[in-house]
C-alpha atoms as a PDB file:
ATOM      1  CA  UNK A   1      -0.105   0.318  -0.171  1.00  0.00           C
ATOM      2  CA  UNK A   2       2.929   1.954   1.314  1.00  0.00           C
ATOM      3  CA  UNK A   3       4.712   1.764  -2.755  1.00  0.00           C
ATOM      4  CA  UNK A   4       1.928   1.690  -4.795  1.00  0.00           C
ATOM      5  CA  UNK A   5       0.310   4.874  -2.726  1.00  0.00           C
ATOM      6  CA  UNK A   6       3.820   7.278  -2.774  1.00  0.00           C
ATOM      7  CA  UNK A   7       3.883   6.661  -7.010  1.00  0.00           C
ATOM      8  CA  UNK A   8       0.791   8.111  -6.819  1.00  0.00           C
ATOM      9  CA  UNK A   9       1.068  10.971  -4.576  1.00  0.00           C
ATOM     10  CA  UNK A  10       4.452  11.601  -6.154  1.00  0.00           C
ATOM     11  CA  UNK A  11       2.667  12.382  -9.475  1.00  0.00           C
ATOM     12  CA  UNK A  12      -0.087  14.581  -8.185  1.00  0.00           C
ATOM     13  CA  UNK A  13       1.935  16.601  -5.316  1.00  0.00           C
ATOM     14  CA  UNK A  14       2.376  20.136  -6.109  1.00  0.00           C
ATOM     15  CA  UNK A  15       1.326  23.654  -5.491  1.00  0.00           C
ATOM     16  CA  UNK A  16       1.121  25.433  -2.393  1.00  0.00           C
ATOM     17  CA  UNK A  17      -0.736  23.459  -0.142  1.00  0.00           C
ATOM     18  CA  UNK A  18      -0.580  22.245   4.152  1.00  0.00           C
ATOM     19  CA  UNK A  19       2.235  19.270   3.191  1.00  0.00           C
ATOM     20  CA  UNK A  20       4.652  20.582   0.147  1.00  0.00           C
ATOM     21  CA  UNK A  21       6.184  17.541  -1.080  1.00  0.00           C
ATOM     22  CA  UNK A  22       9.487  17.768  -2.155  1.00  0.00           C
ATOM     23  CA  UNK A  23       9.832  21.218  -1.257  1.00  0.00           C
ATOM     24  CA  UNK A  24      12.413  22.519   1.256  1.00  0.00           C
ATOM     25  CA  UNK A  25      10.521  25.494   2.658  1.00  0.00           C
ATOM     26  CA  UNK A  26       7.869  23.437   5.064  1.00  0.00           C
ATOM     27  CA  UNK A  27       8.642  19.543   6.606  1.00  0.00           C
ATOM     28  CA  UNK A  28       4.851  19.941   7.832  1.00  0.00           C
ATOM     29  CA  UNK A  29       4.631  16.673   6.058  1.00  0.00           C
ATOM     30  CA  UNK A  30       7.836  14.975   7.094  1.00  0.00           C
ATOM     31  CA  UNK A  31       6.900  15.925  10.974  1.00  0.00           C
ATOM     32  CA  UNK A  32       4.199  13.957  10.423  1.00  0.00           C
ATOM     33  CA  UNK A  33       5.020  11.264   8.295  1.00  0.00           C
ATOM     34  CA  UNK A  34       8.044  10.584  11.129  1.00  0.00           C
ATOM     35  CA  UNK A  35       5.096  10.497  14.035  1.00  0.00           C
ATOM     36  CA  UNK A  36       3.375   8.119  11.991  1.00  0.00           C
ATOM     37  CA  UNK A  37       5.213   5.779  11.712  1.00  0.00           C
ATOM     38  CA  UNK A  38       7.158   6.291  15.262  1.00  0.00           C
ATOM     39  CA  UNK A  39       4.375   6.774  16.957  1.00  0.00           C
ATOM     40  CA  UNK A  40       0.836   5.278  16.035  1.00  0.00           C
ATOM     41  CA  UNK A  41       2.724   1.968  13.389  1.00  0.00           C
ATOM     42  CA  UNK A  42       4.332   0.476  17.153  1.00  0.00           C
ATOM     43  CA  UNK A  43       1.346   1.369  18.858  1.00  0.00           C
ATOM     44  CA  UNK A  44      -1.299   0.141  16.147  1.00  0.00           C
ATOM     45  CA  UNK A  45       0.650  -3.008  15.730  1.00  0.00           C
ATOM     46  CA  UNK A  46       0.901  -3.888  19.732  1.00  0.00           C
ATOM     47  CA  UNK A  47      -3.397  -3.100  19.530  1.00  0.00           C
ATOM     48  CA  UNK A  48      -4.229  -5.297  16.524  1.00  0.00           C
ATOM     49  CA  UNK A  49      -1.922  -8.514  16.880  1.00  0.00           C
ATOM     50  CA  UNK A  50       1.373  -7.918  19.416  1.00  0.00           C
ATOM     51  CA  UNK A  51      -0.509  -6.965  22.375  1.00  0.00           C
ATOM     52  CA  UNK A  52       3.403  -5.901  23.951  1.00  0.00           C
ATOM     53  CA  UNK A  53       2.083  -2.285  24.995  1.00  0.00           C
ATOM     54  CA  UNK A  54      -0.403  -1.507  27.767  1.00  0.00           C
ATOM     55  CA  UNK A  55      -0.398   2.655  26.221  1.00  0.00           C
ATOM     56  CA  UNK A  56      -1.132   1.779  23.042  1.00  0.00           C
ATOM     57  CA  UNK A  57      -4.471   2.440  22.449  1.00  0.00           C
ATOM     58  CA  UNK A  58      -3.646   6.005  24.293  1.00  0.00           C
ATOM     59  CA  UNK A  59      -0.748   6.618  21.792  1.00  0.00           C
ATOM     60  CA  UNK A  60      -3.423   5.581  19.332  1.00  0.00           C
ATOM     61  CA  UNK A  61      -6.118   8.231  20.383  1.00  0.00           C
ATOM     62  CA  UNK A  62      -3.727  10.652  20.793  1.00  0.00           C
ATOM     63  CA  UNK A  63      -2.383  10.707  17.517  1.00  0.00           C
ATOM     64  CA  UNK A  64      -6.273  10.367  15.878  1.00  0.00           C
ATOM     65  CA  UNK A  65      -6.979  13.445  18.264  1.00  0.00           C
ATOM     66  CA  UNK A  66      -3.866  15.351  16.682  1.00  0.00           C
ATOM     67  CA  UNK A  67      -4.462  14.791  12.601  1.00  0.00           C
ATOM     68  CA  UNK A  68      -8.288  15.260  14.157  1.00  0.00           C
ATOM     69  CA  UNK A  69      -8.143  19.016  15.322  1.00  0.00           C
ATOM     70  CA  UNK A  70      -4.905  19.836  13.051  1.00  0.00           C
ATOM     71  CA  UNK A  71      -7.588  19.600  10.070  1.00  0.00           C
ATOM     72  CA  UNK A  72      -5.269  16.678   8.211  1.00  0.00           C
ATOM     73  CA  UNK A  73      -8.022  14.091   8.282  1.00  0.00           C
ATOM     74  CA  UNK A  74     -10.325  16.405   6.340  1.00  0.00           C
ATOM     75  CA  UNK A  75      -7.583  16.741   2.836  1.00  0.00           C
ATOM     76  CA  UNK A  76      -8.025  13.178   2.843  1.00  0.00           C
ATOM     77  CA  UNK A  77     -11.539  13.744   2.242  1.00  0.00           C
ATOM     78  CA  UNK A  78     -11.751  16.542  -0.269  1.00  0.00           C
ATOM     79  CA  UNK A  79     -13.196  16.094  -3.579  1.00  0.00           C
ATOM     80  CA  UNK A  80     -11.948  16.192  -6.736  1.00  0.00           C
ATOM     81  CA  UNK A  81      -8.018  15.695  -7.487  1.00  0.00           C
ATOM     82  CA  UNK A  82      -6.929  17.508  -4.079  1.00  0.00           C
ATOM     83  CA  UNK A  83      -7.050  14.684  -1.567  1.00  0.00           C
ATOM     84  CA  UNK A  84      -5.172  13.266  -4.459  1.00  0.00           C
ATOM     85  CA  UNK A  85      -1.812  14.926  -3.087  1.00  0.00           C
ATOM     86  CA  UNK A  86      -1.935  13.322   0.060  1.00  0.00           C
ATOM     87  CA  UNK A  87      -2.706   9.715  -1.343  1.00  0.00           C
ATOM     88  CA  UNK A  88       0.785   8.278   1.011  1.00  0.00           C
ATOM     89  CA  UNK A  89      -0.093  10.573   4.189  1.00  0.00           C
ATOM     90  CA  UNK A  90      -3.411   8.961   3.625  1.00  0.00           C
ATOM     91  CA  UNK A  91      -2.374   5.310   3.464  1.00  0.00           C
ATOM     92  CA  UNK A  92      -0.072   5.546   6.432  1.00  0.00           C
ATOM     93  CA  UNK A  93      -3.379   6.933   7.997  1.00  0.00           C
ATOM     94  CA  UNK A  94      -5.839   4.717   7.201  1.00  0.00           C
ATOM     95  CA  UNK A  95      -3.043   1.407   7.617  1.00  0.00           C
ATOM     96  CA  UNK A  96      -2.634   2.655  11.435  1.00  0.00           C
ATOM     97  CA  UNK A  97      -5.638   3.681  12.392  1.00  0.00           C
ATOM     98  CA  UNK A  98      -8.027   0.761  10.701  1.00  0.00           C
ATOM     99  CA  UNK A  99      -7.609  -1.949  13.136  1.00  0.00           C
ATOM    100  CA  UNK A 100      -8.155   0.236  16.257  1.00  0.00           C
ATOM    101  CA  UNK A 101     -11.527   1.849  14.499  1.00  0.00           C
ATOM    102  CA  UNK A 102     -13.787   0.549  17.020  1.00  0.00           C
ATOM    103  CA  UNK A 103     -12.251   2.683  19.667  1.00  0.00           C
ATOM    104  CA  UNK A 104     -12.232   6.098  18.168  1.00  0.00           C
ATOM    105  CA  UNK A 105     -14.909   8.134  18.123  1.00  0.00           C
ATOM    106  CA  UNK A 106     -17.425   8.273  15.229  1.00  0.00           C
ATOM    107  CA  UNK A 107     -15.893  11.547  13.117  1.00  0.00           C
ATOM    108  CA  UNK A 108     -12.618   9.874  12.768  1.00  0.00           C
ATOM    109  CA  UNK A 109     -14.213   6.476  12.113  1.00  0.00           C
ATOM    110  CA  UNK A 110     -16.659   8.539   9.636  1.00  0.00           C
ATOM    111  CA  UNK A 111     -13.675   9.851   8.105  1.00  0.00           C
ATOM    112  CA  UNK A 112     -11.862   6.156   7.240  1.00  0.00           C
ATOM    113  CA  UNK A 113     -15.049   4.612   6.065  1.00  0.00           C
ATOM    114  CA  UNK A 114     -14.533   7.971   2.850  1.00  0.00           C
ATOM    115  CA  UNK A 115     -10.944   7.140   2.746  1.00  0.00           C
ATOM    116  CA  UNK A 116     -11.429   3.500   1.781  1.00  0.00           C
ATOM    117  CA  UNK A 117     -13.547   4.009  -0.663  1.00  0.00           C
ATOM    118  CA  UNK A 118     -11.933   7.348  -2.166  1.00  0.00           C
ATOM    119  CA  UNK A 119      -8.535   5.862  -2.231  1.00  0.00           C
ATOM    120  CA  UNK A 120      -9.302   2.059  -2.861  1.00  0.00           C
ATOM    121  CA  UNK A 121      -7.890   0.779   0.809  1.00  0.00           C
ATOM    122  CA  UNK A 122      -8.643  -2.516   2.657  1.00  0.00           C
ATOM    123  CA  UNK A 123      -9.640  -2.928   6.635  1.00  0.00           C
ATOM    124  CA  UNK A 124      -7.533  -5.278   8.253  1.00  0.00           C
ATOM    125  CA  UNK A 125     -10.159  -7.982   8.567  1.00  0.00           C
ATOM    126  CA  UNK A 126     -10.701  -7.739   4.882  1.00  0.00           C
ATOM    127  CA  UNK A 127      -7.613  -8.465   4.161  1.00  0.00           C
ATOM    128  CA  UNK A 128      -6.877 -11.240   6.428  1.00  0.00           C
ATOM    129  CA  UNK A 129      -9.692 -13.346   5.227  1.00  0.00           C
ATOM    130  CA  UNK A 130      -8.032 -12.510   1.681  1.00  0.00           C
ATOM    131  CA  UNK A 131      -6.844 -16.268   1.550  1.00  0.00           C
ATOM    132  CA  UNK A 132     -10.795 -17.001   1.878  1.00  0.00           C
ATOM    133  CA  UNK A 133     -11.744 -15.696  -1.586  1.00  0.00           C
ATOM    134  CA  UNK A 134     -14.902 -14.158  -0.497  1.00  0.00           C
ATOM    135  CA  UNK A 135     -16.511 -11.608  -2.929  1.00  0.00           C
ATOM    136  CA  UNK A 136     -16.328  -8.070  -1.309  1.00  0.00           C
ATOM    137  CA  UNK A 137     -11.987  -8.878  -1.055  1.00  0.00           C
ATOM    138  CA  UNK A 138     -11.814 -11.379  -5.048  1.00  0.00           C
ATOM    139  CA  UNK A 139     -13.357  -8.101  -5.697  1.00  0.00           C
ATOM    140  CA  UNK A 140     -10.537  -5.440  -4.168  1.00  0.00           C
ATOM    141  CA  UNK A 141      -8.317  -7.928  -5.998  1.00  0.00           C
ATOM    142  CA  UNK A 142      -6.518  -9.593  -3.045  1.00  0.00           C
ATOM    143  CA  UNK A 143      -5.100 -11.997  -1.903  1.00  0.00           C
ATOM    144  CA  UNK A 144      -2.681 -13.134   0.446  1.00  0.00           C
ATOM    145  CA  UNK A 145      -0.079 -16.318  -0.465  1.00  0.00           C
ATOM    146  CA  UNK A 146       3.796 -17.330   1.132  1.00  0.00           C
ATOM    147  CA  UNK A 147       6.414 -15.636  -1.597  1.00  0.00           C
ATOM    148  CA  UNK A 148       9.535 -15.039  -1.262  1.00  0.00           C
ATOM    149  CA  UNK A 149       8.793 -12.201  -3.733  1.00  0.00           C
ATOM    150  CA  UNK A 150      10.424  -8.726  -3.295  1.00  0.00           C
ATOM    151  CA  UNK A 151       9.268  -5.162  -3.731  1.00  0.00           C
ATOM    152  CA  UNK A 152      11.060  -3.483  -6.651  1.00  0.00           C
ATOM    153  CA  UNK A 153      11.165   0.314  -6.991  1.00  0.00           C
ATOM    154  CA  UNK A 154      10.146   0.846 -11.289  1.00  0.00           C
ATOM    155  CA  UNK A 155      10.765   4.024 -12.985  1.00  0.00           C
ATOM    156  CA  UNK A 156      14.966   3.747 -12.999  1.00  0.00           C
ATOM    157  CA  UNK A 157      15.517   6.279 -15.266  1.00  0.00           C
ATOM    158  CA  UNK A 158      18.003   8.896 -14.480  1.00  0.00           C
ATOM    159  CA  UNK A 159      17.687  11.276 -12.030  1.00  0.00           C
ATOM    160  CA  UNK A 160      18.185  15.178 -12.460  1.00  0.00           C
ATOM    161  CA  UNK A 161      17.805  17.895 -10.066  1.00  0.00           C
ATOM    162  CA  UNK A 162      14.271  19.342 -10.032  1.00  0.00           C
ATOM    163  CA  UNK A 163      13.468  23.556  -9.888  1.00  0.00           C
ATOM    164  CA  UNK A 164      11.034  23.971  -7.268  1.00  0.00           C
ATOM    165  CA  UNK A 165      11.583  20.394  -5.289  1.00  0.00           C
ATOM    166  CA  UNK A 166      13.653  19.245  -2.559  1.00  0.00           C
ATOM    167  CA  UNK A 167      16.724  17.383  -4.606  1.00  0.00           C
ATOM    168  CA  UNK A 168      19.162  15.630  -1.949  1.00  0.00           C
ATOM    169  CA  UNK A 169      22.258  13.360  -2.824  1.00  0.00           C
ATOM    170  CA  UNK A 170      22.892  10.687  -0.246  1.00  0.00           C
ATOM    171  CA  UNK A 171      26.283   8.869  -0.397  1.00  0.00           C
ATOM    172  CA  UNK A 172      28.219   6.590   2.201  1.00  0.00           C
ATOM    173  CA  UNK A 173      31.166   5.253   2.894  1.00  0.00           C
ATOM    174  CA  UNK A 174      32.710   3.591  -0.105  1.00  0.00           C
ATOM    175  CA  UNK A 175      33.395   0.033   1.127  1.00  0.00           C
ATOM    176  CA  UNK A 176      37.244  -1.670   0.133  1.00  0.00           C
ATOM    177  CA  UNK A 177      36.525  -5.016  -1.774  1.00  0.00           C
ATOM    178  CA  UNK A 178      40.055  -6.772   0.007  1.00  0.00           C
ATOM    179  CA  UNK A 179      37.417  -8.412   2.051  1.00  0.00           C
ATOM    180  CA  UNK A 180      33.132  -9.617   2.671  1.00  0.00           C
ATOM    181  CA  UNK A 181      30.639  -7.399   4.093  1.00  0.00           C
ATOM    182  CA  UNK A 182      29.694  -8.099   7.419  1.00  0.00           C
ATOM    183  CA  UNK A 183      27.232  -6.834   8.995  1.00  0.00           C
ATOM    184  CA  UNK A 184      28.870  -4.338  10.863  1.00  0.00           C
ATOM    185  CA  UNK A 185      29.728  -2.964   7.911  1.00  0.00           C
ATOM    186  CA  UNK A 186      26.746  -3.017   6.522  1.00  0.00           C
ATOM    187  CA  UNK A 187      25.352  -0.889   9.912  1.00  0.00           C
ATOM    188  CA  UNK A 188      27.746   1.492   9.635  1.00  0.00           C
ATOM    189  CA  UNK A 189      28.658   2.184   6.100  1.00  0.00           C
ATOM    190  CA  UNK A 190      25.330   1.271   3.904  1.00  0.00           C
ATOM    191  CA  UNK A 191      22.281   1.104   6.222  1.00  0.00           C
ATOM    192  CA  UNK A 192      21.973   4.771   8.126  1.00  0.00           C
ATOM    193  CA  UNK A 193      21.875   6.187   4.212  1.00  0.00           C
ATOM    194  CA  UNK A 194      19.227   3.483   2.617  1.00  0.00           C
ATOM    195  CA  UNK A 195      17.323   4.023   5.443  1.00  0.00           C
ATOM    196  CA  UNK A 196      17.211   7.968   5.468  1.00  0.00           C
ATOM    197  CA  UNK A 197      16.935   7.513   1.191  1.00  0.00           C
ATOM    198  CA  UNK A 198      14.294   5.572   1.694  1.00  0.00           C
ATOM    199  CA  UNK A 199      12.531   7.494   3.479  1.00  0.00           C
ATOM    200  CA  UNK A 200      13.006  10.654   1.059  1.00  0.00           C
ATOM    201  CA  UNK A 201      12.243   9.086  -1.815  1.00  0.00           C
ATOM    202  CA  UNK A 202       8.326   8.244   0.396  1.00  0.00           C
ATOM    203  CA  UNK A 203       8.017  11.759   1.268  1.00  0.00           C
ATOM    204  CA  UNK A 204       7.782  12.818  -2.020  1.00  0.00           C
ATOM    205  CA  UNK A 205      11.651  14.206  -2.551  1.00  0.00           C
ATOM    206  CA  UNK A 206      13.579  13.804  -6.036  1.00  0.00           C
ATOM    207  CA  UNK A 207      17.166  12.090  -3.878  1.00  0.00           C
ATOM    208  CA  UNK A 208      19.248  10.112  -5.517  1.00  0.00           C
ATOM    209  CA  UNK A 209      21.635   7.427  -3.197  1.00  0.00           C
ATOM    210  CA  UNK A 210      25.308   6.567  -4.637  1.00  0.00           C
ATOM    211  CA  UNK A 211      27.429   4.327  -3.325  1.00  0.00           C
ATOM    212  CA  UNK A 212      30.009   1.980  -4.782  1.00  0.00           C
ATOM    213  CA  UNK A 213      33.505  -0.144  -3.988  1.00  0.00           C
ATOM    214  CA  UNK A 214      36.211   1.648  -3.414  1.00  0.00           C
ATOM    215  CA  UNK A 215      39.441  -0.476  -5.637  1.00  0.00           C
ATOM    216  CA  UNK A 216      42.462   1.270  -5.343  1.00  0.00           C
ATOM    217  CA  UNK A 217      45.062   1.915  -2.668  1.00  0.00           C
ATOM    218  CA  UNK A 218      47.169  -0.127  -0.318  1.00  0.00           C
ATOM    219  CA  UNK A 219      44.731  -2.635   0.979  1.00  0.00           C
ATOM    220  CA  UNK A 220      43.904  -4.378  -2.988  1.00  0.00           C
ATOM    221  CA  UNK A 221      47.266  -4.880  -3.387  1.00  0.00           C
ATOM    222  CA  UNK A 222      48.434  -6.256  -0.065  1.00  0.00           C
ATOM    223  CA  UNK A 223      44.900  -8.487  -0.563  1.00  0.00           C
ATOM    224  CA  UNK A 224      46.100  -9.001  -3.857  1.00  0.00           C
ATOM    225  CA  UNK A 225      49.124 -10.664  -3.262  1.00  0.00           C
ATOM    226  CA  UNK A 226      47.780 -12.663  -0.444  1.00  0.00           C
ATOM    227  CA  UNK A 227      45.595 -14.024  -2.981  1.00  0.00           C
ATOM    228  CA  UNK A 228      47.356 -14.432  -5.686  1.00  0.00           C
ATOM    229  CA  UNK A 229      46.029 -12.779  -8.252  1.00  0.00           C
ATOM    230  CA  UNK A 230      46.149  -9.735  -9.681  1.00  0.00           C
ATOM    231  CA  UNK A 231      44.481  -5.879  -8.908  1.00  0.00           C
ATOM    232  CA  UNK A 232      42.570  -6.157 -11.203  1.00  0.00           C
ATOM    233  CA  UNK A 233      41.399 -10.232 -10.642  1.00  0.00           C
ATOM    234  CA  UNK A 234      40.276  -8.824  -7.167  1.00  0.00           C
ATOM    235  CA  UNK A 235      38.087  -5.959  -7.713  1.00  0.00           C
ATOM    236  CA  UNK A 236      36.575  -7.618  -9.525  1.00  0.00           C
ATOM    237  CA  UNK A 237      35.984 -10.255  -7.804  1.00  0.00           C
ATOM    238  CA  UNK A 238      34.906  -8.056  -4.425  1.00  0.00           C
ATOM    239  CA  UNK A 239      32.662  -5.339  -6.724  1.00  0.00           C
ATOM    240  CA  UNK A 240      30.550  -8.572  -7.416  1.00  0.00           C
ATOM    241  CA  UNK A 241      30.399  -9.985  -3.733  1.00  0.00           C
ATOM    242  CA  UNK A 242      29.920  -6.791  -2.622  1.00  0.00           C
ATOM    243  CA  UNK A 243      26.892  -6.215  -4.565  1.00  0.00           C
ATOM    244  CA  UNK A 244      25.754  -9.101  -4.269  1.00  0.00           C
ATOM    245  CA  UNK A 245      25.496  -8.799  -0.810  1.00  0.00           C
ATOM    246  CA  UNK A 246      23.750  -5.616  -0.836  1.00  0.00           C
ATOM    247  CA  UNK A 247      21.285  -6.484  -3.404  1.00  0.00           C
ATOM    248  CA  UNK A 248      19.963  -9.639  -0.286  1.00  0.00           C
ATOM    249  CA  UNK A 249      20.033  -6.987   2.127  1.00  0.00           C
ATOM    250  CA  UNK A 250      17.483  -4.925  -0.092  1.00  0.00           C
ATOM    251  CA  UNK A 251      19.868  -1.616   0.023  1.00  0.00           C
ATOM    252  CA  UNK A 252      18.458   0.264  -2.213  1.00  0.00           C
ATOM    253  CA  UNK A 253      21.476   1.785  -4.514  1.00  0.00           C
ATOM    254  CA  UNK A 254      20.425   4.468  -7.637  1.00  0.00           C
ATOM    255  CA  UNK A 255      23.707   3.511  -8.323  1.00  0.00           C
ATOM    256  CA  UNK A 256      26.433   1.081  -7.097  1.00  0.00           C
ATOM    257  CA  UNK A 257      29.548   2.011  -9.239  1.00  0.00           C
ATOM    258  CA  UNK A 258      33.361   0.794  -8.957  1.00  0.00           C
ATOM    259  CA  UNK A 259      36.376   3.330  -8.641  1.00  0.00           C
ATOM    260  CA  UNK A 260      38.176   1.961 -11.229  1.00  0.00           C
ATOM    261  CA  UNK A 261      35.814   3.141 -13.877  1.00  0.00           C
ATOM    262  CA  UNK A 262      37.006   4.671 -16.972  1.00  0.00           C
ATOM    263  CA  UNK A 263      34.266   7.432 -16.490  1.00  0.00           C
ATOM    264  CA  UNK A 264      35.384   7.731 -12.362  1.00  0.00           C
ATOM    265  CA  UNK A 265      39.319   8.394 -13.236  1.00  0.00           C
ATOM    266  CA  UNK A 266      39.415  10.309 -15.630  1.00  0.00           C
ATOM    267  CA  UNK A 267      37.193  12.111 -13.512  1.00  0.00           C
ATOM    268  CA  UNK A 268      39.266  12.269 -10.756  1.00  0.00           C
ATOM    269  CA  UNK A 269      42.740  13.020 -13.113  1.00  0.00           C
ATOM    270  CA  UNK A 270      41.048  16.804 -13.924  1.00  0.00           C
ATOM    271  CA  UNK A 271      40.425  17.156 -10.198  1.00  0.00           C
ATOM    272  CA  UNK A 272      43.758  16.509  -9.510  1.00  0.00           C
ATOM    273  CA  UNK A 273      45.518  17.453 -11.799  1.00  0.00           C
ATOM    274  CA  UNK A 274      43.506  21.305 -10.873  1.00  0.00           C
ATOM    275  CA  UNK A 275      44.553  21.199  -7.961  1.00  0.00           C
ATOM    276  CA  UNK A 276      48.175  20.415  -8.765  1.00  0.00           C
ATOM    277  CA  UNK A 277      48.385  23.501 -11.074  1.00  0.00           C
ATOM    278  CA  UNK A 278      46.994  25.925  -9.031  1.00  0.00           C
ATOM    279  CA  UNK A 279      49.942  24.637  -6.599  1.00  0.00           C
ATOM    280  CA  UNK A 280      47.431  22.693  -3.998  1.00  0.00           C
ATOM    281  CA  UNK A 281      49.580  19.773  -3.963  1.00  0.00           C
ATOM    282  CA  UNK A 282      53.015  18.543  -1.874  1.00  0.00           C
ATOM    283  CA  UNK A 283      55.250  15.204  -1.885  1.00  0.00           C
ATOM    284  CA  UNK A 284      55.903  13.800   1.517  1.00  0.00           C
ATOM    285  CA  UNK A 285      57.102  10.513   2.311  1.00  0.00           C
ATOM    286  CA  UNK A 286      55.254   8.598   5.119  1.00  0.00           C
ATOM    287  CA  UNK A 287      55.282   4.883   6.669  1.00  0.00           C
ATOM    288  CA  UNK A 288      52.540   2.884   6.945  1.00  0.00           C
END
């Protein structure tokens, strides 16, 4: 639901409304996405499934009251294209409030019913019965089955700056190719950037996440000598291993490259030669 709604939201988000998705002039949209995911989502999960948070009801009611008081619910029930601008936010509100609908007041219940009809959302009970192939669920096209499928982003066209949107370039430390990455490498290197990149995309920002293997340096040469291979062979071998492992962990890069590509090399040479010609380099012997 999040994926489908955010695609629709990206296409429709525009104009000067309360939530200016993709613009740096307001954080209202980002703040509500954060509140819904940090507070409402775990409370809803506890209320409907795990039953491990005694404060779940109070949290759900408090967030629902804030949505009502700040007239956020009214945005989702507007007629025409106006409400479509908030499809992503609406999907979060509906998904996390609907399981607790019985403890909410009549106005919030009415808003959830209107949202379900407007956006085609399915309630928790209906989705949970999908395996029984009930008539209503069949009509909605929902089903539940065991699967190893992964959600993959569509639209991998080049991402360029867009005027009027919040353009974000996200990078992380480049992992060396002298070993196979372990959990510590992933957590301390690419995971935090991946989490932020996902948030930025869901918030409707124009974000691009770039990473790749660092294939230059003493560590690469030392590993090649130990393995009895050339540096290029080591780089090819471990770049493939890194890419495969990050893909297994669903790290969603827009570009996962290599520092040894001709384009990367040309750019680095250009930067270095410019610095050297400007007198900003010096020679020094150090011990390693």
